[in-house]
Amino acid sequence: MESMGLKDYFEQTWIAREKLLDAADKLTPEEWSREFDFSWRSMQKLFAHIIEVERSWMLEDIRGKKYPAESEELTKVRYATPAKARAQGLEVADITRSVLAEYGTVAKMNDTREVGGPA
């Protein structure tokens, strides 16, 4: 069996996310944004969190660019539907592919970097 590299793991994660978003396409807008008293509160916010964490890892933690948190209202607009979440996910996947190509050598991936936490 061939071993998987970091890019392969991301690719598998994106495939799984697409399958989940395919299922979410069947939700009504109310079901997509319905809030509960646990976790990330809604499907909408859960997908926003997953995708935005990946974006911040790539842009801030690896590339060292400031990644300011956005308002909850802007997040709700950018992730208003499963289709919009999918578009954000594809955008971030492209960023991640670029970062992996840029830092893909074992030596660079093993570099130590300062990592910031939530401000």
C-alpha atoms as a PDB file:
ATOM      1  CA  MET A   1       0.000   0.000   0.000  1.00  0.00           C
ATOM      2  CA  GLU A   2       1.294   3.421  -0.953  1.00  0.00           C
ATOM      3  CA  SER A   3       1.658   5.952   1.839  1.00  0.00           C
ATOM      4  CA  MET A   4      -0.278   9.198   1.709  1.00  0.00           C
ATOM      5  CA  GLY A   5       1.380  12.565   1.846  1.00  0.00           C
ATOM      6  CA  LEU A   6      -0.016  15.739   3.385  1.00  0.00           C
ATOM      7  CA  LYS A   7      -1.545  16.807   0.048  1.00  0.00           C
ATOM      8  CA  ASP A   8      -3.318  13.433  -0.190  1.00  0.00           C
ATOM      9  CA  TYR A   9      -4.832  13.903   3.266  1.00  0.00           C
ATOM     10  CA  PHE A  10      -6.140  17.337   2.317  1.00  0.00           C
ATOM     11  CA  GLU A  11      -7.548  15.963  -0.955  1.00  0.00           C
ATOM     12  CA  GLN A  12      -9.405  13.235   0.961  1.00  0.00           C
ATOM     13  CA  THR A  13     -10.736  15.837   3.410  1.00  0.00           C
ATOM     14  CA  TRP A  14     -12.001  18.008   0.535  1.00  0.00           C
ATOM     15  CA  ILE A  15     -13.736  15.016  -1.059  1.00  0.00           C
ATOM     16  CA  ALA A  16     -15.472  14.253   2.243  1.00  0.00           C
ATOM     17  CA  ARG A  17     -16.458  17.925   2.630  1.00  0.00           C
ATOM     18  CA  GLU A  18     -17.975  17.901  -0.878  1.00  0.00           C
ATOM     19  CA  LYS A  19     -20.048  14.831  -0.007  1.00  0.00           C
ATOM     20  CA  LEU A  20     -21.324  16.530   3.133  1.00  0.00           C
ATOM     21  CA  LEU A  21     -22.148  19.698   1.202  1.00  0.00           C
ATOM     22  CA  ASP A  22     -23.967  17.590  -1.410  1.00  0.00           C
ATOM     23  CA  ALA A  23     -26.157  16.287   1.403  1.00  0.00           C
ATOM     24  CA  ALA A  24     -26.553  19.809   2.820  1.00  0.00           C
ATOM     25  CA  ASP A  25     -27.879  20.982  -0.564  1.00  0.00           C
ATOM     26  CA  LYS A  26     -31.103  19.156   0.358  1.00  0.00           C
ATOM     27  CA  LEU A  27     -31.592  21.287   3.486  1.00  0.00           C
ATOM     28  CA  THR A  28     -33.944  24.223   3.529  1.00  0.00           C
ATOM     29  CA  PRO A  29     -32.341  27.607   4.263  1.00  0.00           C
ATOM     30  CA  GLU A  30     -33.850  27.404   7.756  1.00  0.00           C
ATOM     31  CA  GLU A  31     -32.338  23.951   8.366  1.00  0.00           C
ATOM     32  CA  TRP A  32     -28.919  25.112   7.088  1.00  0.00           C
ATOM     33  CA  SER A  33     -28.794  28.059   9.500  1.00  0.00           C
ATOM     34  CA  ARG A  34     -30.855  26.637  12.384  1.00  0.00           C
ATOM     35  CA  GLU A  35     -28.973  27.122  15.645  1.00  0.00           C
ATOM     36  CA  PHE A  36     -28.638  24.559  18.403  1.00  0.00           C
ATOM     37  CA  ASP A  37     -27.206  24.836  21.914  1.00  0.00           C
ATOM     38  CA  PHE A  38     -24.020  22.885  21.168  1.00  0.00           C
ATOM     39  CA  SER A  39     -20.913  22.785  19.022  1.00  0.00           C
ATOM     40  CA  TRP A  40     -20.739  25.497  16.356  1.00  0.00           C
ATOM     41  CA  ARG A  41     -24.492  26.078  16.683  1.00  0.00           C
ATOM     42  CA  SER A  42     -25.507  25.432  13.030  1.00  0.00           C
ATOM     43  CA  MET A  43     -24.424  23.580   9.909  1.00  0.00           C
ATOM     44  CA  GLN A  44     -23.662  26.963   8.373  1.00  0.00           C
ATOM     45  CA  LYS A  45     -21.321  27.975  11.201  1.00  0.00           C
ATOM     46  CA  LEU A  46     -19.707  24.530  11.376  1.00  0.00           C
ATOM     47  CA  PHE A  47     -18.702  24.620   7.708  1.00  0.00           C
ATOM     48  CA  ALA A  48     -17.577  28.245   8.041  1.00  0.00           C
ATOM     49  CA  HIS A  49     -15.378  27.265  10.983  1.00  0.00           C
ATOM     50  CA  ILE A  50     -13.813  24.283   9.217  1.00  0.00           C
ATOM     51  CA  ILE A  51     -13.030  26.231   6.059  1.00  0.00           C
ATOM     52  CA  GLU A  52     -11.849  29.402   7.796  1.00  0.00           C
ATOM     53  CA  VAL A  53      -9.529  27.467  10.115  1.00  0.00           C
ATOM     54  CA  GLU A  54      -7.848  25.954   7.055  1.00  0.00           C
ATOM     55  CA  ARG A  55      -7.590  29.430   5.490  1.00  0.00           C
ATOM     56  CA  SER A  56      -5.993  30.852   8.633  1.00  0.00           C
ATOM     57  CA  TRP A  57      -3.534  27.927   8.898  1.00  0.00           C
ATOM     58  CA  MET A  58      -2.369  28.531   5.355  1.00  0.00           C
ATOM     59  CA  LEU A  59      -2.306  32.320   5.286  1.00  0.00           C
ATOM     60  CA  GLU A  60      -1.322  33.215   8.824  1.00  0.00           C
ATOM     61  CA  ASP A  61       0.386  30.230  10.396  1.00  0.00           C
ATOM     62  CA  ILE A  62       2.370  29.151   7.341  1.00  0.00           C
ATOM     63  CA  ARG A  63       2.684  32.224   5.123  1.00  0.00           C
ATOM     64  CA  GLY A  64       2.851  34.589   8.085  1.00  0.00           C
ATOM     65  CA  LYS A  65       0.261  37.033   6.740  1.00  0.00           C
ATOM     66  CA  LYS A  66      -2.137  38.652   9.162  1.00  0.00           C
ATOM     67  CA  TYR A  67      -5.535  37.009   8.973  1.00  0.00           C
ATOM     68  CA  PRO A  68      -8.070  39.239  10.747  1.00  0.00           C
ATOM     69  CA  ALA A  69     -11.200  37.622  12.105  1.00  0.00           C
ATOM     70  CA  GLU A  70     -14.348  38.761  10.377  1.00  0.00           C
ATOM     71  CA  SER A  71     -17.680  39.607  11.928  1.00  0.00           C
ATOM     72  CA  GLU A  72     -20.297  36.934  12.466  1.00  0.00           C
ATOM     73  CA  GLU A  73     -22.607  38.861  10.133  1.00  0.00           C
ATOM     74  CA  LEU A  74     -20.084  38.762   7.268  1.00  0.00           C
ATOM     75  CA  THR A  75     -19.519  35.049   7.869  1.00  0.00           C
ATOM     76  CA  LYS A  76     -23.274  34.453   7.672  1.00  0.00           C
ATOM     77  CA  VAL A  77     -23.354  36.237   4.300  1.00  0.00           C
ATOM     78  CA  ARG A  78     -20.326  34.412   2.864  1.00  0.00           C
ATOM     79  CA  TYR A  79     -21.712  31.052   4.064  1.00  0.00           C
ATOM     80  CA  ALA A  80     -25.410  31.812   3.463  1.00  0.00           C
ATOM     81  CA  THR A  81     -26.006  28.585   1.534  1.00  0.00           C
ATOM     82  CA  PRO A  82     -24.250  25.246   1.032  1.00  0.00           C
ATOM     83  CA  ALA A  83     -23.324  26.475  -2.480  1.00  0.00           C
ATOM     84  CA  LYS A  84     -21.604  29.545  -1.021  1.00  0.00           C
ATOM     85  CA  ALA A  85     -19.824  27.336   1.533  1.00  0.00           C
ATOM     86  CA  ARG A  86     -18.676  25.108  -1.329  1.00  0.00           C
ATOM     87  CA  ALA A  87     -17.296  28.162  -3.191  1.00  0.00           C
ATOM     88  CA  GLN A  88     -15.377  29.268  -0.089  1.00  0.00           C
ATOM     89  CA  GLY A  89     -14.078  25.718   0.371  1.00  0.00           C
ATOM     90  CA  LEU A  90     -12.847  25.557  -3.230  1.00  0.00           C
ATOM     91  CA  GLU A  91     -11.128  28.931  -2.832  1.00  0.00           C
ATOM     92  CA  VAL A  92      -9.370  27.752   0.323  1.00  0.00           C
ATOM     93  CA  ALA A  93      -8.434  24.406  -1.256  1.00  0.00           C
ATOM     94  CA  ASP A  94      -6.667  26.373  -4.014  1.00  0.00           C
ATOM     95  CA  ILE A  95      -4.791  28.389  -1.379  1.00  0.00           C
ATOM     96  CA  THR A  96      -3.808  25.181   0.409  1.00  0.00           C
ATOM     97  CA  ARG A  97      -2.621  23.539  -2.809  1.00  0.00           C
ATOM     98  CA  SER A  98      -0.504  26.625  -3.496  1.00  0.00           C
ATOM     99  CA  VAL A  99       0.987  26.570   0.005  1.00  0.00           C
ATOM    100  CA  LEU A 100       1.714  22.851  -0.211  1.00  0.00           C
ATOM    101  CA  ALA A 101       3.437  23.356  -3.557  1.00  0.00           C
ATOM    102  CA  GLU A 102       5.422  26.273  -2.143  1.00  0.00           C
ATOM    103  CA  TYR A 103       6.383  24.584   1.133  1.00  0.00           C
ATOM    104  CA  GLY A 104       6.107  21.015  -0.090  1.00  0.00           C
ATOM    105  CA  THR A 105       9.660  19.960   0.495  1.00  0.00           C
ATOM    106  CA  VAL A 106      10.205  17.950   3.645  1.00  0.00           C
ATOM    107  CA  ALA A 107      12.802  20.431   4.852  1.00  0.00           C
ATOM    108  CA  LYS A 108      10.463  23.409   4.514  1.00  0.00           C
ATOM    109  CA  MET A 109       7.496  21.584   6.084  1.00  0.00           C
ATOM    110  CA  ASN A 110       9.689  20.794   9.090  1.00  0.00           C
ATOM    111  CA  ASP A 111      10.708  24.433   9.609  1.00  0.00           C
ATOM    112  CA  THR A 112       9.730  25.864  12.964  1.00  0.00           C
ATOM    113  CA  ARG A 113       7.435  28.874  12.784  1.00  0.00           C
ATOM    114  CA  GLU A 114       5.931  31.119  15.417  1.00  0.00           C
ATOM    115  CA  VAL A 115       2.207  30.528  15.605  1.00  0.00           C
ATOM    116  CA  GLY A 116      -0.319  33.035  16.851  1.00  0.00           C
ATOM    117  CA  GLY A 117      -3.455  32.119  18.720  1.00  0.00           C
ATOM    118  CA  PRO A 118      -6.735  33.936  18.923  1.00  0.00           C
ATOM    119  CA  ALA A 119      -6.211  37.551  19.850  1.00  0.00           C
END
